[in-house]
Structure formats: structure tokens, C-alpha cells
Protein backbone atom coordinates (compact mmCIF):
# COMPACT_ATOMS: atom_id res chain seq x y z
CA MET A 1 -3.96 17.14 63.49
CA LYS A 2 -2.65 19.20 60.41
CA LYS A 3 -2.07 15.86 58.95
CA GLN A 4 -5.54 14.38 59.34
CA PHE A 5 -7.13 18.23 57.94
CA VAL A 6 -5.03 17.40 55.04
CA ALA A 7 -6.64 14.22 54.61
CA VAL A 8 -9.88 14.96 54.80
CA THR A 9 -9.50 17.85 52.31
CA VAL A 10 -7.60 15.37 49.71
CA VAL A 11 -11.29 13.04 50.37
CA LEU A 12 -13.60 15.59 49.71
CA LEU A 13 -11.40 16.99 46.79
CA VAL A 14 -12.29 13.04 45.47
CA LEU A 15 -15.45 12.87 46.19
CA LEU A 16 -16.32 15.96 44.55
CA SER A 17 -14.03 14.79 41.59
CA MET A 18 -16.13 11.54 41.24
CA THR A 19 -19.47 13.83 41.47
CA ALA A 20 -18.32 15.69 38.90
CA PHE A 21 -17.96 12.90 36.48
CA ALA A 22 -20.49 11.25 37.45
CA ALA A 23 -22.94 13.85 36.37
CA PRO A 24 -25.61 12.92 33.85
CA SER A 25 -24.02 12.75 30.46
CA GLY A 26 -26.92 13.19 29.05
CA ARG A 27 -27.68 16.24 30.70
CA TYR A 28 -27.45 18.76 27.50
CA ASP A 29 -29.76 16.28 25.42
CA GLN A 30 -32.94 18.13 25.06
CA GLU A 31 -31.20 21.25 24.19
CA ILE A 32 -29.05 19.49 21.48
CA GLN A 33 -32.56 18.10 20.53
CA GLN A 34 -33.54 21.54 19.94
CA ALA A 35 -31.15 22.71 18.49
CA VAL A 36 -30.82 20.22 16.13
CA SER A 37 -34.05 20.45 14.62
CA GLN A 38 -34.22 24.29 14.25
CA LYS A 39 -30.99 23.33 12.24
CA MET A 40 -32.79 20.83 10.03
CA HIS A 41 -36.13 22.54 9.72
CA GLY A 42 -34.40 25.93 8.88
CA SER A 43 -33.40 24.54 5.78
CA LYS A 44 -35.50 23.55 2.25
CA GLN A 45 -33.32 20.61 1.74
CA LEU A 46 -33.11 18.89 4.84
CA GLN A 47 -37.44 19.34 5.78
CA ASP A 48 -37.39 15.38 5.77
CA VAL A 49 -34.62 14.52 8.02
CA ASN A 50 -35.05 13.01 11.59
CA SER A 51 -33.04 13.47 14.52
CA SER A 52 -32.85 11.81 18.26
CA VAL A 53 -30.19 12.51 20.73
CA ASP A 54 -28.75 10.30 23.83
CA ASP A 55 -25.99 11.12 25.61
CA GLY A 56 -24.91 14.05 23.11
CA ILE A 57 -24.75 11.73 20.22
CA VAL A 58 -27.14 12.30 17.52
CA THR A 59 -28.79 9.84 15.19
CA LEU A 60 -30.12 11.55 12.18
CA THR A 61 -32.98 9.46 10.06
CA GLY A 62 -35.03 10.25 7.41
CA THR A 63 -34.62 11.31 3.65
CA VAL A 64 -32.73 13.92 1.34
CA ASN A 65 -32.70 14.38 -2.54
CA LEU A 66 -28.92 14.32 -2.74
CA TYR A 67 -26.26 12.49 -1.16
CA GLN A 68 -24.27 16.29 -0.37
CA ASP A 69 -27.77 17.01 1.54
CA LYS A 70 -26.98 14.01 3.64
CA LEU A 71 -23.26 15.17 4.16
CA ASN A 72 -24.58 18.89 4.81
CA ALA A 73 -26.81 17.39 7.70
CA ALA A 74 -24.36 15.63 9.15
CA LYS A 75 -21.44 18.94 9.07
CA LYS A 76 -24.93 20.78 11.03
CA ALA A 77 -25.24 18.75 13.43
CA LYS A 78 -21.41 18.51 14.61
CA LYS A 79 -21.57 21.94 14.87
CA ILE A 80 -23.64 22.58 17.55
CA ALA A 81 -22.38 22.60 20.99
CA ASN A 82 -21.76 19.83 23.07
CA VAL A 83 -22.70 17.20 20.13
CA SER A 84 -20.08 14.65 20.87
CA GLY A 85 -20.75 12.53 17.96
CA VAL A 86 -23.14 12.28 14.98
CA ARG A 87 -24.48 8.93 13.51
CA ASN A 88 -26.08 9.80 9.93
CA ASN A 89 -28.54 7.39 9.19
CA ILE A 90 -30.00 9.58 6.43
CA GLU A 91 -30.90 7.81 3.30
CA VAL A 92 -31.05 9.54 -0.36
CA ALA A 93 -34.31 9.11 -1.96
CA GLY A 94 -33.73 11.17 -4.79
CA ALA A 95 -33.45 10.29 -8.52
CA ASN A 96 -32.48 6.83 -9.50
CA VAL A 97 -30.49 6.57 -12.39
CA PRO A 98 -29.23 3.90 -14.52
CA ASP A 99 -25.65 2.33 -12.60
CA SER A 100 -24.47 2.64 -16.46
CA GLN A 101 -25.57 6.17 -17.01
CA LEU A 102 -24.83 7.42 -14.07
CA GLU A 103 -21.24 6.42 -14.10
CA GLN A 104 -20.72 7.87 -17.93
CA LYS A 105 -21.92 11.43 -16.37
CA LEU A 106 -19.70 11.69 -13.66
CA ALA A 107 -16.63 10.25 -15.93
CA LYS A 108 -17.34 13.43 -18.34
CA LYS A 109 -17.64 15.89 -15.03
CA LEU A 110 -14.45 14.93 -13.83
CA ALA A 111 -13.07 14.89 -17.08
CA PHE A 112 -13.41 18.21 -17.54
CA ASP A 113 -13.05 19.57 -14.08
CA ARG A 114 -9.82 21.96 -13.09
CA ILE A 115 -9.18 22.23 -17.04
CA GLY A 116 -6.07 24.93 -17.49
CA TYR A 117 -4.77 24.32 -13.25
CA PHE A 118 -0.86 23.08 -13.48
CA ASP A 119 -1.71 20.16 -11.40
CA ASN A 120 -4.19 18.50 -13.70
CA THR A 121 -1.81 16.19 -16.37
CA PHE A 122 -0.69 14.72 -12.46
CA ASN A 123 -3.59 13.85 -10.70
CA TYR A 124 -5.27 10.17 -12.17
CA LEU A 125 -9.31 9.91 -10.91
CA ALA A 126 -11.54 6.70 -12.83
CA LEU A 127 -14.76 5.65 -10.58
CA THR A 128 -17.27 2.83 -10.79
CA VAL A 129 -21.11 2.76 -9.87
CA GLN A 130 -22.93 -0.61 -8.15
CA ASN A 131 -26.72 0.55 -7.31
CA GLY A 132 -25.74 4.15 -7.02
CA VAL A 133 -22.64 3.70 -4.93
CA VAL A 134 -20.39 5.61 -6.36
CA THR A 135 -16.14 4.28 -5.64
CA LEU A 136 -13.48 6.70 -6.49
CA GLU A 137 -10.12 5.73 -6.59
CA GLY A 138 -7.31 7.23 -8.10
CA ASP A 139 -4.09 9.46 -6.57
CA THR A 140 -3.99 12.87 -6.88
CA VAL A 141 -1.15 15.58 -5.93
CA TYR A 142 -2.82 17.72 -3.03
CA ASP A 143 -5.83 17.81 -1.69
CA THR A 144 -7.98 20.29 -3.62
CA PRO A 145 -8.57 17.77 -6.64
CA LYS A 146 -9.55 15.46 -4.71
CA ASP A 147 -12.08 17.68 -3.01
CA SER A 148 -13.33 18.66 -5.94
CA ALA A 149 -13.83 15.38 -7.41
CA LEU A 150 -15.81 14.29 -4.44
CA ALA A 151 -18.03 17.20 -4.19
CA ILE A 152 -18.95 17.28 -7.81
CA VAL A 153 -20.00 13.54 -7.53
CA ALA A 154 -22.12 14.13 -3.84
CA GLY A 155 -23.34 16.92 -5.68
CA THR A 156 -24.77 15.20 -8.66
CA PRO A 157 -28.58 13.42 -8.92
CA GLY A 158 -28.76 9.36 -8.14
CA VAL A 159 -25.66 8.59 -6.17
CA LYS A 160 -26.92 7.24 -3.20
CA ASP A 161 -23.63 6.78 -1.51
CA VAL A 162 -19.60 7.53 -1.96
CA VAL A 163 -16.58 4.93 -1.11
CA ASP A 164 -13.49 7.05 -1.17
CA ASN A 165 -10.35 5.31 -2.33
CA VAL A 166 -8.60 8.52 -3.47
CA LYS A 167 -5.31 8.51 -2.38
CA VAL A 168 -3.55 12.42 -1.96
CA LEU A 169 0.71 11.65 -2.47
CA PRO A 170 3.50 12.80 -0.06
CA ALA A 171 4.63 15.99 -0.69
CA SER A 172 7.94 15.96 -2.23
CA PHE A 173 10.21 18.22 -3.75
CA PHE A 174 12.07 15.24 -5.81
CA ASP A 175 8.71 13.65 -7.04
CA ASN A 176 7.33 17.43 -8.33
CA SER A 177 10.71 17.78 -10.24
CA LEU A 178 10.10 14.40 -11.76
CA ARG A 179 6.56 15.19 -12.58
CA VAL A 180 7.40 18.67 -14.72
CA ARG A 181 10.65 16.64 -16.33
CA ILE A 182 8.50 13.83 -17.47
CA ALA A 183 5.79 15.48 -18.99
CA ARG A 184 8.27 17.71 -20.87
CA ALA A 185 9.65 14.48 -22.38
CA ILE A 186 6.33 13.46 -23.12
CA TYR A 187 4.53 16.50 -24.84
CA ARG A 188 7.78 17.43 -26.29
CA ASP A 189 8.09 14.37 -27.91
CA PRO A 190 7.07 14.88 -31.96
CA VAL A 191 4.96 12.05 -31.70
CA LEU A 192 3.26 12.16 -28.31
CA SER A 193 2.81 16.25 -29.14
CA ARG A 194 -0.70 16.18 -30.50
CA TYR A 195 -1.79 14.61 -26.51
CA ALA A 196 -1.72 18.26 -25.33
CA ILE A 197 -3.77 19.47 -27.53
CA ASP A 198 -6.90 17.98 -25.66
CA PRO A 199 -6.73 18.99 -21.99
CA VAL A 200 -9.49 16.78 -21.11
CA HIS A 201 -7.92 13.55 -22.55
CA PRO A 202 -4.14 14.16 -21.34
CA ILE A 203 -1.52 11.67 -20.70
CA ARG A 204 -1.93 11.36 -16.63
CA ILE A 205 1.50 11.38 -14.89
CA VAL A 206 1.37 10.13 -11.84
CA VAL A 207 4.64 9.79 -9.55
CA ASP A 208 4.74 8.35 -5.92
CA ASN A 209 8.75 8.59 -4.71
CA GLY A 210 10.26 7.92 -7.86
CA HIS A 211 7.74 5.64 -9.09
CA VAL A 212 5.78 6.81 -12.02
CA THR A 213 2.32 5.33 -13.52
CA LEU A 214 0.87 6.55 -17.05
CA TYR A 215 -2.90 6.30 -16.93
CA GLY A 216 -5.18 7.57 -19.93
CA SER A 217 -5.88 6.66 -23.96
CA VAL A 218 -3.56 7.02 -26.69
CA MET A 219 -4.20 5.70 -30.08
CA ASN A 220 -2.13 3.20 -31.02
CA THR A 221 0.28 0.78 -29.09
CA MET A 222 3.57 2.84 -30.84
CA ASP A 223 2.38 6.03 -29.00
CA LYS A 224 1.80 3.80 -25.71
CA ASN A 225 5.47 2.52 -26.29
CA VAL A 226 7.02 5.88 -27.11
CA ALA A 227 5.48 7.32 -23.75
CA GLY A 228 6.68 4.27 -21.61
CA VAL A 229 10.38 4.94 -23.31
CA ARG A 230 10.01 8.96 -22.78
CA ALA A 231 8.99 8.47 -19.02
CA GLY A 232 11.45 5.97 -17.96
CA ALA A 233 14.62 7.99 -20.12
CA VAL A 234 14.13 10.93 -17.51
CA PRO A 235 16.87 10.75 -15.07
CA GLY A 236 15.08 10.05 -10.97
CA THR A 237 12.60 7.47 -12.21
CA PHE A 238 12.87 4.69 -10.50
CA SER A 239 10.25 2.45 -12.55
CA VAL A 240 7.53 3.25 -15.19
CA ASP A 241 3.73 1.26 -14.80
CA ASN A 242 2.55 2.26 -18.68
CA LYS A 243 -1.22 1.38 -18.06
CA LEU A 244 -1.97 3.76 -21.02
CA VAL A 245 -5.00 2.13 -22.66
CA VAL A 246 -5.24 1.77 -26.75
CA ASN A 247 -8.42 3.50 -28.23
CA LYS A 248 -9.13 0.89 -30.86
CA GLY A 249 -11.88 3.61 -31.34
């Protein structure tokens, strides 16, 4: 009799569990919809954003002026209780800027970003623009310079979308030491010391597991070659990929 009671109890528990899992997954949709609408309409930049909710998945549509506004809309929606996901189909309908003009503007902004920070010489960023879509590439020592660059791009009028191909280099005491020693070798050289004067256009030193890549522009071929030699002579350097560009202007 006792065994039968236990068996019946187990069956009831299983049925109760199945009932709980079978509860309508979209039972919070109406509450979510109201909360999303309030969030969007409560922001001046998101007045033209619309939303729909299905099984806890929020789909955002409509238009905004800046790409950053599109990101902010998704962040607001994700913070709402019981939201299980966000589909961001918002279109950036702000000013249309010619690709070449937008690329030049962003390149200048990124060049002046984080001047004075010790890691500035050890980060390299490059970008291309096609139909308003900005592709950002490069390597950074930490998350901060990458995040700063992405924020600049996202907040610039004319940017319709962003492709993030920036790599944050792995933390390494060995690489950190090598970066500093290569910087000393390059910037203390009597021929190359001139490139330390303009912090906007330094010789970029990217180190990844002992492999060194040099980026930037120099005045002549001799400077390029000397920089490669100085970097390669530092103990611990496994290889040097000299991508310095000779400025013919």
C-alpha cells in the first residue's frame, strides 16, 4: 500500500511539472509590450520606434537618427523583466553622408581618441565605409580603447551600421614587457625620435604572443627599415611584420 502511495505521489509530481512547463510561454507578452512602449516613447530619440512581442521575444522596428540610438533601444528592451530576446530591426534614417567623407571624418576622430593614454601607441584601428556601413578592424591591448572607438563610430551621423572586427589581444605579462621595450628602442633612436613628437601619428606597435606588427606612416623608406630593425633586435621578438607606409606627401 505504501509503495502504491509513493508511486501515485511521483506521478502527480510529474504531471504538475509538465503542467508548469506547458504554461503559456507568452503570458507576459502584454506586460512586456506595455513596458517597451513606455521605454521607447519616454525617450526623445526613440519616438519613432515600434515594437511587438511574441513569446517574450521583442521585435523593434521603425527609425532613429543615429546608430547609437538603435543600440540604446535594444539595451532598454533587454532590461525589461521577462524579455528573453530582442530582434533589432530598427533602421537608421538620419543624414546620408558620402562614404569617403564619412571615412575621413571617422579616421580623424579615432586618431585623436585617447591621446595621452600609455597604451595608445600599442593599439591599431582601421576602418572602411561602404553605403554607410562602417567596418572597424584592428587590435587593442584592452577592451577600453575598442569600446571607445565603437562609441565614436556609433554616435557619428551618417553611420547606418557597424561591423566590429576589432580583436582585444590576450593579457600577457611577456607581451606587455616587449611592447615597452620595443617602444623605447624605436623612439629613442635618433632617426625615429621625431615620430614621438606628434601623438596623433605615432608608429603603432602591436604585439601578439611575441609577434610584432608595425603600423602607421613614416617619412621615407629608411625610417621604415630602421623601425623594423630596431623592433627585431629587441630580445623576445619572434617576428616583425613591418606594415609601415611611406608617406609620399
